[in-house]
Every structure is written in structure tokens, then in C-alpha cells.
PDB file of N, CA and C in Angstrom:
ATOM      1  N   MET A   1      19.633 -14.496   6.617  1.00  0.00           N
ATOM      2  CA  MET A   1      18.460 -14.347   7.612  1.00  0.00           C
ATOM      3  C   MET A   1      17.960 -12.937   7.289  1.00  0.00           C
ATOM      4  N   GLU A   2      16.544 -12.823   7.229  1.00  0.00           N
ATOM      5  CA  GLU A   2      15.960 -11.622   7.009  1.00  0.00           C
ATOM      6  C   GLU A   2      15.911 -10.725   8.290  1.00  0.00           C
ATOM      7  N   LYS A   3      16.226  -9.424   8.104  1.00  0.00           N
ATOM      8  CA  LYS A   3      16.216  -8.463   9.185  1.00  0.00           C
ATOM      9  C   LYS A   3      14.887  -8.042   9.547  1.00  0.00           C
ATOM     10  N   VAL A   4      14.542  -7.826  10.754  1.00  0.00           N
ATOM     11  CA  VAL A   4      13.222  -7.432  11.181  1.00  0.00           C
ATOM     12  C   VAL A   4      13.195  -5.850  11.028  1.00  0.00           C
ATOM     13  N   MET A   5      11.993  -5.486  10.468  1.00  0.00           N
ATOM     14  CA  MET A   5      11.815  -3.932  10.256  1.00  0.00           C
ATOM     15  C   MET A   5      11.764  -3.173  11.552  1.00  0.00           C
ATOM     16  N   GLU A   6      12.362  -2.038  11.567  1.00  0.00           N
ATOM     17  CA  GLU A   6      12.426  -1.120  12.722  1.00  0.00           C
ATOM     18  C   GLU A   6      11.012  -0.765  13.067  1.00  0.00           C
ATOM     19  N   LYS A   7      10.822  -0.527  14.406  1.00  0.00           N
ATOM     20  CA  LYS A   7       9.528  -0.215  14.919  1.00  0.00           C
ATOM     21  C   LYS A   7       9.143   1.165  14.504  1.00  0.00           C
ATOM     22  N   TRP A   8       9.968   2.170  14.159  1.00  0.00           N
ATOM     23  CA  TRP A   8       9.543   3.562  13.695  1.00  0.00           C
ATOM     24  C   TRP A   8       8.991   3.233  12.361  1.00  0.00           C
ATOM     25  N   MET A   9       9.614   2.342  11.512  1.00  0.00           N
ATOM     26  CA  MET A   9       9.166   2.188  10.164  1.00  0.00           C
ATOM     27  C   MET A   9       7.830   1.571  10.203  1.00  0.00           C
ATOM     28  N   ILE A  10       7.627   0.569  10.956  1.00  0.00           N
ATOM     29  CA  ILE A  10       6.257  -0.130  11.121  1.00  0.00           C
ATOM     30  C   ILE A  10       5.108   0.963  11.510  1.00  0.00           C
ATOM     31  N   ARG A  11       5.558   1.791  12.369  1.00  0.00           N
ATOM     32  CA  ARG A  11       4.504   2.904  12.823  1.00  0.00           C
ATOM     33  C   ARG A  11       4.163   3.792  11.569  1.00  0.00           C
ATOM     34  N   LYS A  12       5.216   4.105  10.656  1.00  0.00           N
ATOM     35  CA  LYS A  12       4.965   4.948   9.729  1.00  0.00           C
ATOM     36  C   LYS A  12       4.127   4.206   8.576  1.00  0.00           C
ATOM     37  N   LEU A  13       4.401   2.889   8.380  1.00  0.00           N
ATOM     38  CA  LEU A  13       3.560   2.072   7.355  1.00  0.00           C
ATOM     39  C   LEU A  13       2.199   2.155   7.929  1.00  0.00           C
ATOM     40  N   ASP A  14       1.911   1.833   9.193  1.00  0.00           N
ATOM     41  CA  ASP A  14       0.592   1.729   9.803  1.00  0.00           C
ATOM     42  C   ASP A  14      -0.201   2.950   9.607  1.00  0.00           C
ATOM     43  N   SER A  15       0.481   4.143   9.806  1.00  0.00           N
ATOM     44  CA  SER A  15       0.007   5.418   9.627  1.00  0.00           C
ATOM     45  C   SER A  15      -0.456   5.651   8.180  1.00  0.00           C
ATOM     46  N   VAL A  16       0.248   5.281   7.158  1.00  0.00           N
ATOM     47  CA  VAL A  16      -0.164   5.402   5.773  1.00  0.00           C
ATOM     48  C   VAL A  16      -1.292   4.603   5.462  1.00  0.00           C
ATOM     49  N   LEU A  17      -1.229   3.338   5.935  1.00  0.00           N
ATOM     50  CA  LEU A  17      -2.559   2.471   5.650  1.00  0.00           C
ATOM     51  C   LEU A  17      -3.814   3.137   6.316  1.00  0.00           C
ATOM     52  N   ASP A  18      -3.654   3.891   7.378  1.00  0.00           N
ATOM     53  CA  ASP A  18      -4.775   4.574   8.180  1.00  0.00           C
ATOM     54  C   ASP A  18      -5.201   5.704   7.464  1.00  0.00           C
ATOM     55  N   ARG A  19      -4.293   6.408   6.466  1.00  0.00           N
ATOM     56  CA  ARG A  19      -4.706   7.631   5.942  1.00  0.00           C
ATOM     57  C   ARG A  19      -5.249   7.476   4.616  1.00  0.00           C
ATOM     58  N   VAL A  20      -4.744   6.575   3.780  1.00  0.00           N
ATOM     59  CA  VAL A  20      -5.128   6.275   2.416  1.00  0.00           C
ATOM     60  C   VAL A  20      -6.588   5.614   2.365  1.00  0.00           C
ATOM     61  N   LYS A  21      -7.602   6.273   1.720  1.00  0.00           N
ATOM     62  CA  LYS A  21      -8.893   5.793   1.648  1.00  0.00           C
ATOM     63  C   LYS A  21      -9.374   5.456   0.300  1.00  0.00           C
ATOM     64  N   GLU A  22     -10.150   4.436   0.159  1.00  0.00           N
ATOM     65  CA  GLU A  22     -10.863   4.119  -1.057  1.00  0.00           C
ATOM     66  C   GLU A  22     -12.024   4.946  -1.220  1.00  0.00           C
ATOM     67  N   PRO A  23     -12.141   5.653  -2.253  1.00  0.00           N
ATOM     68  CA  PRO A  23     -13.148   6.821  -2.323  1.00  0.00           C
ATOM     69  C   PRO A  23     -14.683   6.336  -2.315  1.00  0.00           C
ATOM     70  N   GLU A  24     -15.001   5.077  -2.706  1.00  0.00           N
ATOM     71  CA  GLU A  24     -16.385   4.683  -2.901  1.00  0.00           C
ATOM     72  C   GLU A  24     -16.884   4.326  -1.373  1.00  0.00           C
ATOM     73  N   SER A  25     -16.164   3.646  -0.680  1.00  0.00           N
ATOM     74  CA  SER A  25     -16.438   3.184   0.595  1.00  0.00           C
ATOM     75  C   SER A  25     -16.020   4.030   1.637  1.00  0.00           C
ATOM     76  N   ASN A  26     -15.056   4.860   1.546  1.00  0.00           N
ATOM     77  CA  ASN A  26     -14.330   5.625   2.495  1.00  0.00           C
ATOM     78  C   ASN A  26     -13.675   4.907   3.619  1.00  0.00           C
ATOM     79  N   LEU A  27     -13.398   3.603   3.220  1.00  0.00           N
ATOM     80  CA  LEU A  27     -12.620   2.825   4.205  1.00  0.00           C
ATOM     81  C   LEU A  27     -11.180   2.876   3.803  1.00  0.00           C
ATOM     82  N   THR A  28     -10.284   2.815   4.919  1.00  0.00           N
ATOM     83  CA  THR A  28      -8.847   2.855   4.644  1.00  0.00           C
ATOM     84  C   THR A  28      -8.361   1.591   3.961  1.00  0.00           C
ATOM     85  N   VAL A  29      -7.107   1.796   3.340  1.00  0.00           N
ATOM     86  CA  VAL A  29      -6.580   0.686   2.838  1.00  0.00           C
ATOM     87  C   VAL A  29      -6.241  -0.437   3.703  1.00  0.00           C
ATOM     88  N   GLY A  30      -5.937  -0.035   5.013  1.00  0.00           N
ATOM     89  CA  GLY A  30      -5.798  -1.065   6.143  1.00  0.00           C
ATOM     90  C   GLY A  30      -7.006  -1.789   6.402  1.00  0.00           C
ATOM     91  N   GLN A  31      -8.195  -1.046   6.547  1.00  0.00           N
ATOM     92  CA  GLN A  31      -9.431  -1.642   6.763  1.00  0.00           C
ATOM     93  C   GLN A  31      -9.816  -2.610   5.666  1.00  0.00           C
ATOM     94  N   LEU A  32      -9.482  -2.330   4.325  1.00  0.00           N
ATOM     95  CA  LEU A  32      -9.823  -3.225   3.277  1.00  0.00           C
ATOM     96  C   LEU A  32      -8.882  -4.414   3.061  1.00  0.00           C
ATOM     97  N   GLY A  33      -7.805  -4.298   3.684  1.00  0.00           N
ATOM     98  CA  GLY A  33      -6.779  -5.464   3.633  1.00  0.00           C
ATOM     99  C   GLY A  33      -6.203  -5.512   2.192  1.00  0.00           C
ATOM    100  N   LEU A  34      -6.016  -4.426   1.544  1.00  0.00           N
ATOM    101  CA  LEU A  34      -5.421  -4.297   0.195  1.00  0.00           C
ATOM    102  C   LEU A  34      -3.894  -4.670   0.234  1.00  0.00           C
ATOM    103  N   VAL A  35      -3.299  -4.239   1.341  1.00  0.00           N
ATOM    104  CA  VAL A  35      -1.907  -4.475   1.353  1.00  0.00           C
ATOM    105  C   VAL A  35      -1.678  -5.831   2.147  1.00  0.00           C
ATOM    106  N   LYS A  36      -1.100  -6.794   1.541  1.00  0.00           N
ATOM    107  CA  LYS A  36      -0.616  -8.125   2.167  1.00  0.00           C
ATOM    108  C   LYS A  36       0.306  -7.941   3.193  1.00  0.00           C
ATOM    109  N   LYS A  37       1.479  -7.364   2.626  1.00  0.00           N
ATOM    110  CA  LYS A  37       2.739  -7.118   3.529  1.00  0.00           C
ATOM    111  C   LYS A  37       3.648  -6.097   2.721  1.00  0.00           C
ATOM    112  N   PHE A  38       4.477  -5.692   3.628  1.00  0.00           N
ATOM    113  CA  PHE A  38       5.731  -4.839   3.218  1.00  0.00           C
ATOM    114  C   PHE A  38       6.947  -5.609   3.354  1.00  0.00           C
ATOM    115  N   ARG A  39       7.948  -5.341   2.447  1.00  0.00           N
ATOM    116  CA  ARG A  39       9.271  -5.872   2.605  1.00  0.00           C
ATOM    117  C   ARG A  39      10.228  -4.735   2.281  1.00  0.00           C
ATOM    118  N   TYR A  40      11.247  -4.584   3.228  1.00  0.00           N
ATOM    119  CA  TYR A  40      12.122  -3.499   3.110  1.00  0.00           C
ATOM    120  C   TYR A  40      13.499  -4.200   2.713  1.00  0.00           C
ATOM    121  N   ASN A  41      14.100  -3.730   1.605  1.00  0.00           N
ATOM    122  CA  ASN A  41      15.425  -4.177   1.091  1.00  0.00           C
ATOM    123  C   ASN A  41      16.401  -3.084   1.448  1.00  0.00           C
ATOM    124  N   GLU A  42      17.154  -3.212   2.484  1.00  0.00           N
ATOM    125  CA  GLU A  42      18.162  -2.145   2.907  1.00  0.00           C
ATOM    126  C   GLU A  42      19.245  -1.924   1.835  1.00  0.00           C
ATOM    127  N   THR A  43      19.738  -3.055   1.228  1.00  0.00           N
ATOM    128  CA  THR A  43      20.762  -2.872   0.149  1.00  0.00           C
ATOM    129  C   THR A  43      20.302  -2.044  -1.096  1.00  0.00           C
ATOM    130  N   LYS A  44      19.060  -2.310  -1.481  1.00  0.00           N
ATOM    131  CA  LYS A  44      18.531  -1.702  -2.718  1.00  0.00           C
ATOM    132  C   LYS A  44      17.814  -0.405  -2.272  1.00  0.00           C
ATOM    133  N   ARG A  45      17.684  -0.141  -1.130  1.00  0.00           N
ATOM    134  CA  ARG A  45      16.816   1.060  -0.581  1.00  0.00           C
ATOM    135  C   ARG A  45      15.546   1.048  -1.265  1.00  0.00           C
ATOM    136  N   ALA A  46      14.911  -0.030  -1.102  1.00  0.00           N
ATOM    137  CA  ALA A  46      13.504  -0.172  -1.785  1.00  0.00           C
ATOM    138  C   ALA A  46      12.522  -0.740  -0.730  1.00  0.00           C
ATOM    139  N   LEU A  47      11.241  -0.273  -0.837  1.00  0.00           N
ATOM    140  CA  LEU A  47      10.155  -0.857  -0.118  1.00  0.00           C
ATOM    141  C   LEU A  47       9.204  -1.537  -0.997  1.00  0.00           C
ATOM    142  N   TYR A  48       8.942  -2.734  -0.811  1.00  0.00           N
ATOM    143  CA  TYR A  48       8.124  -3.543  -1.588  1.00  0.00           C
ATOM    144  C   TYR A  48       6.775  -3.619  -1.082  1.00  0.00           C
ATOM    145  N   VAL A  49       5.794  -3.333  -1.721  1.00  0.00           N
ATOM    146  CA  VAL A  49       4.385  -3.363  -1.286  1.00  0.00           C
ATOM    147  C   VAL A  49       3.595  -4.529  -2.029  1.00  0.00           C
ATOM    148  N   TYR A  50       3.223  -5.501  -1.212  1.00  0.00           N
ATOM    149  CA  TYR A  50       2.481  -6.585  -1.661  1.00  0.00           C
ATOM    150  C   TYR A  50       1.111  -6.380  -1.711  1.00  0.00           C
ATOM    151  N   ILE A  51       0.367  -6.164  -2.682  1.00  0.00           N
ATOM    152  CA  ILE A  51      -1.080  -5.884  -2.671  1.00  0.00           C
ATOM    153  C   ILE A  51      -1.910  -7.093  -3.035  1.00  0.00           C
ATOM    154  N   ASP A  52      -3.190  -7.031  -2.631  1.00  0.00           N
ATOM    155  CA  ASP A  52      -4.187  -8.093  -2.836  1.00  0.00           C
ATOM    156  C   ASP A  52      -5.437  -7.408  -3.288  1.00  0.00           C
ATOM    157  N   THR A  53      -5.646  -6.914  -4.416  1.00  0.00           N
ATOM    158  CA  THR A  53      -6.800  -6.172  -4.724  1.00  0.00           C
ATOM    159  C   THR A  53      -7.919  -7.061  -5.353  1.00  0.00           C
ATOM    160  N   TYR A  54      -7.482  -8.334  -5.729  1.00  0.00           N
ATOM    161  CA  TYR A  54      -8.482  -9.330  -6.413  1.00  0.00           C
ATOM    162  C   TYR A  54      -9.462  -9.751  -5.426  1.00  0.00           C
ATOM    163  N   ALA A  55      -9.219  -9.685  -4.103  1.00  0.00           N
ATOM    164  CA  ALA A  55     -10.222 -10.035  -3.212  1.00  0.00           C
ATOM    165  C   ALA A  55     -11.557  -9.255  -3.225  1.00  0.00           C
ATOM    166  N   THR A  56     -11.408  -8.029  -3.652  1.00  0.00           N
ATOM    167  CA  THR A  56     -12.588  -6.984  -3.635  1.00  0.00           C
ATOM    168  C   THR A  56     -13.199  -6.947  -4.942  1.00  0.00           C
ATOM    169  N   HIS A  57     -12.859  -7.658  -5.971  1.00  0.00           N
ATOM    170  CA  HIS A  57     -13.342  -7.507  -7.303  1.00  0.00           C
ATOM    171  C   HIS A  57     -14.717  -8.253  -7.551  1.00  0.00           C
ATOM    172  N   LYS A  58     -15.550  -7.571  -8.073  1.00  0.00           N
ATOM    173  CA  LYS A  58     -16.911  -8.320  -8.523  1.00  0.00           C
ATOM    174  C   LYS A  58     -16.864  -8.326 -10.104  1.00  0.00           C
ATOM    175  N   ALA A  59     -17.147  -9.251 -10.802  1.00  0.00           N
ATOM    176  CA  ALA A  59     -17.114  -9.346 -12.233  1.00  0.00           C
ATOM    177  C   ALA A  59     -17.854  -8.149 -13.010  1.00  0.00           C
ATOM    178  N   CYS A  60     -19.044  -7.902 -12.522  1.00  0.00           N
ATOM    179  CA  CYS A  60     -19.791  -6.899 -13.068  1.00  0.00           C
ATOM    180  C   CYS A  60     -19.260  -5.452 -13.006  1.00  0.00           C
ATOM    181  N   CYS A  61     -18.281  -5.247 -12.079  1.00  0.00           N
ATOM    182  CA  CYS A  61     -17.926  -3.898 -11.839  1.00  0.00           C
ATOM    183  C   CYS A  61     -16.498  -3.890 -12.002  1.00  0.00           C
ATOM    184  N   LEU A  62     -15.862  -4.614 -12.848  1.00  0.00           N
ATOM    185  CA  LEU A  62     -14.380  -4.688 -12.961  1.00  0.00           C
ATOM    186  C   LEU A  62     -13.688  -3.439 -13.469  1.00  0.00           C
ATOM    187  N   VAL A  63     -14.435  -2.758 -14.427  1.00  0.00           N
ATOM    188  CA  VAL A  63     -13.735  -1.594 -15.080  1.00  0.00           C
ATOM    189  C   VAL A  63     -13.724  -0.495 -13.936  1.00  0.00           C
ATOM    190  N   ILE A  64     -14.815  -0.301 -13.341  1.00  0.00           N
ATOM    191  CA  ILE A  64     -14.950   0.857 -12.399  1.00  0.00           C
ATOM    192  C   ILE A  64     -13.902   0.400 -11.157  1.00  0.00           C
ATOM    193  N   THR A  65     -13.859  -0.891 -10.755  1.00  0.00           N
ATOM    194  CA  THR A  65     -13.079  -1.234  -9.744  1.00  0.00           C
ATOM    195  C   THR A  65     -11.676  -0.914  -9.996  1.00  0.00           C
ATOM    196  N   LYS A  66     -11.194  -1.230 -11.249  1.00  0.00           N
ATOM    197  CA  LYS A  66      -9.719  -1.069 -11.765  1.00  0.00           C
ATOM    198  C   LYS A  66      -9.404   0.487 -11.656  1.00  0.00           C
ATOM    199  N   LEU A  67     -10.404   1.321 -11.993  1.00  0.00           N
ATOM    200  CA  LEU A  67     -10.170   2.723 -12.065  1.00  0.00           C
ATOM    201  C   LEU A  67      -9.971   3.276 -10.569  1.00  0.00           C
ATOM    202  N   ILE A  68     -10.769   2.772  -9.660  1.00  0.00           N
ATOM    203  CA  ILE A  68     -10.736   3.214  -8.341  1.00  0.00           C
ATOM    204  C   ILE A  68      -9.494   2.534  -7.704  1.00  0.00           C
ATOM    205  N   GLU A  69      -9.059   1.456  -8.086  1.00  0.00           N
ATOM    206  CA  GLU A  69      -7.819   0.799  -7.614  1.00  0.00           C
ATOM    207  C   GLU A  69      -6.665   1.547  -8.014  1.00  0.00           C
ATOM    208  N   THR A  70      -6.666   1.952  -9.254  1.00  0.00           N
ATOM    209  CA  THR A  70      -5.517   2.828  -9.703  1.00  0.00           C
ATOM    210  C   THR A  70      -5.350   4.108  -8.906  1.00  0.00           C
ATOM    211  N   ARG A  71      -6.488   4.775  -8.564  1.00  0.00           N
ATOM    212  CA  ARG A  71      -6.333   5.921  -7.814  1.00  0.00           C
ATOM    213  C   ARG A  71      -5.831   5.739  -6.483  1.00  0.00           C
ATOM    214  N   VAL A  72      -6.380   4.547  -5.755  1.00  0.00           N
ATOM    215  CA  VAL A  72      -6.032   4.167  -4.418  1.00  0.00           C
ATOM    216  C   VAL A  72      -4.415   3.946  -4.358  1.00  0.00           C
ATOM    217  N   MET A  73      -3.993   3.225  -5.476  1.00  0.00           N
ATOM    218  CA  MET A  73      -2.458   2.745  -5.385  1.00  0.00           C
ATOM    219  C   MET A  73      -1.690   4.082  -5.622  1.00  0.00           C
ATOM    220  N   GLU A  74      -2.136   5.096  -6.385  1.00  0.00           N
ATOM    221  CA  GLU A  74      -1.461   6.282  -6.665  1.00  0.00           C
ATOM    222  C   GLU A  74      -1.404   6.973  -5.364  1.00  0.00           C
ATOM    223  N   ASP A  75      -2.566   7.229  -4.644  1.00  0.00           N
ATOM    224  CA  ASP A  75      -2.459   7.862  -3.329  1.00  0.00           C
ATOM    225  C   ASP A  75      -1.602   7.110  -2.318  1.00  0.00           C
ATOM    226  N   LEU A  76      -1.622   5.864  -2.319  1.00  0.00           N
ATOM    227  CA  LEU A  76      -0.729   5.011  -1.433  1.00  0.00           C
ATOM    228  C   LEU A  76       0.720   5.396  -1.730  1.00  0.00           C
ATOM    229  N   ARG A  77       1.012   5.242  -3.080  1.00  0.00           N
ATOM    230  CA  ARG A  77       2.379   5.599  -3.503  1.00  0.00           C
ATOM    231  C   ARG A  77       2.894   7.032  -2.914  1.00  0.00           C
ATOM    232  N   LYS A  78       2.049   7.947  -3.186  1.00  0.00           N
ATOM    233  CA  LYS A  78       2.388   9.365  -2.614  1.00  0.00           C
ATOM    234  C   LYS A  78       2.612   9.497  -1.188  1.00  0.00           C
ATOM    235  N   GLU A  79       1.621   8.779  -0.417  1.00  0.00           N
ATOM    236  CA  GLU A  79       1.955   8.882   1.035  1.00  0.00           C
ATOM    237  C   GLU A  79       3.115   8.123   1.393  1.00  0.00           C
ATOM    238  N   LEU A  80       3.444   6.936   0.865  1.00  0.00           N
ATOM    239  CA  LEU A  80       4.692   6.248   1.140  1.00  0.00           C
ATOM    240  C   LEU A  80       5.955   7.027   0.840  1.00  0.00           C
ATOM    241  N   GLU A  81       5.803   7.605  -0.323  1.00  0.00           N
ATOM    242  CA  GLU A  81       6.995   8.494  -0.798  1.00  0.00           C
ATOM    243  C   GLU A  81       7.159   9.771   0.227  1.00  0.00           C
ATOM    244  N   LYS A  82       6.161  10.230   0.813  1.00  0.00           N
ATOM    245  CA  LYS A  82       6.280  11.284   1.828  1.00  0.00           C
ATOM    246  C   LYS A  82       6.919  10.770   3.075  1.00  0.00           C
ATOM    247  N   GLU A  83       6.487   9.561   3.485  1.00  0.00           N
ATOM    248  CA  GLU A  83       7.038   8.989   4.784  1.00  0.00           C
ATOM    249  C   GLU A  83       8.558   8.524   4.458  1.00  0.00           C
ATOM    250  N   PHE A  84       8.804   7.948   3.333  1.00  0.00           N
ATOM    251  CA  PHE A  84      10.026   7.376   2.994  1.00  0.00           C
ATOM    252  C   PHE A  84      10.738   7.950   1.857  1.00  0.00           C
ATOM    253  N   PRO A  85      11.031   9.156   1.752  1.00  0.00           N
ATOM    254  CA  PRO A  85      11.622   9.748   0.610  1.00  0.00           C
ATOM    255  C   PRO A  85      12.744   9.329   0.028  1.00  0.00           C
ATOM    256  N   ASP A  86      13.583   8.555   0.828  1.00  0.00           N
ATOM    257  CA  ASP A  86      14.864   7.978   0.314  1.00  0.00           C
ATOM    258  C   ASP A  86      14.694   6.552  -0.273  1.00  0.00           C
ATOM    259  N   LEU A  87      13.496   6.012  -0.243  1.00  0.00           N
ATOM    260  CA  LEU A  87      13.402   4.652  -0.736  1.00  0.00           C
ATOM    261  C   LEU A  87      12.693   4.560  -2.000  1.00  0.00           C
ATOM    262  N   ALA A  88      12.942   3.573  -2.860  1.00  0.00           N
ATOM    263  CA  ALA A  88      12.122   3.371  -4.078  1.00  0.00           C
ATOM    264  C   ALA A  88      10.920   2.461  -3.770  1.00  0.00           C
ATOM    265  N   ILE A  89       9.663   2.976  -4.033  1.00  0.00           N
ATOM    266  CA  ILE A  89       8.521   2.123  -3.685  1.00  0.00           C
ATOM    267  C   ILE A  89       8.184   1.278  -4.892  1.00  0.00           C
ATOM    268  N   ARG A  90       8.085   0.061  -4.565  1.00  0.00           N
ATOM    269  CA  ARG A  90       7.781  -1.052  -5.565  1.00  0.00           C
ATOM    270  C   ARG A  90       6.445  -1.840  -5.276  1.00  0.00           C
ATOM    271  N   PHE A  91       5.455  -1.792  -6.177  1.00  0.00           N
ATOM    272  CA  PHE A  91       4.344  -2.549  -5.986  1.00  0.00           C
ATOM    273  C   PHE A  91       4.496  -3.897  -6.586  1.00  0.00           C
ATOM    274  N   VAL A  92       4.083  -4.952  -5.821  1.00  0.00           N
ATOM    275  CA  VAL A  92       4.391  -6.394  -6.279  1.00  0.00           C
ATOM    276  C   VAL A  92       2.964  -7.022  -6.336  1.00  0.00           C
TER     277      VAL A  92
END
């Protein structure tokens, strides 16, 4: 049976989603819906971040979109590492 994530952890995750912004639109990762879900594995001390960036892609702008996406994911990783320094952050 899967353990429910602690409320303090959920608050920190929500805070990160509200802080990290996509530079072109200035919308937050949370507003854009780029993160589908988080999973915490206590045994592995890992936080898994399930992302969905394909929903925002347009064929004509794919290269630019990928560059921006890379920056946003780097910013997201940095913020998650600040909030959860003892966990390995894994993007799925």
C-alpha cells in the first residue's frame, strides 16, 4: 500500500510550483500544469517528478520550446533541491 505524502511536504511542493516561472509567459509551473504528479519513495530517499511538457508544444516552435523547457526544469530542480536537500530529485 502506498503511503500518503505528509502535509508539510505537499505545502513545500506547492510552494515550489508557485515560485518557478516559465520566462516567456511569466506563468508558474503550477499554472502551466507542467508537473503531472510527484511521488516520494521513502526507502530510496527520492522524489519523482512526473512532467508533461508535450501539451504546450507547437511544431513551429519546438527548438525554442525545448530550450525554455530545459531552463524551467533546471530552475524546478534547484528549487526542489533547496526544499528537500536530503532527497534525490528524479524527473520522469
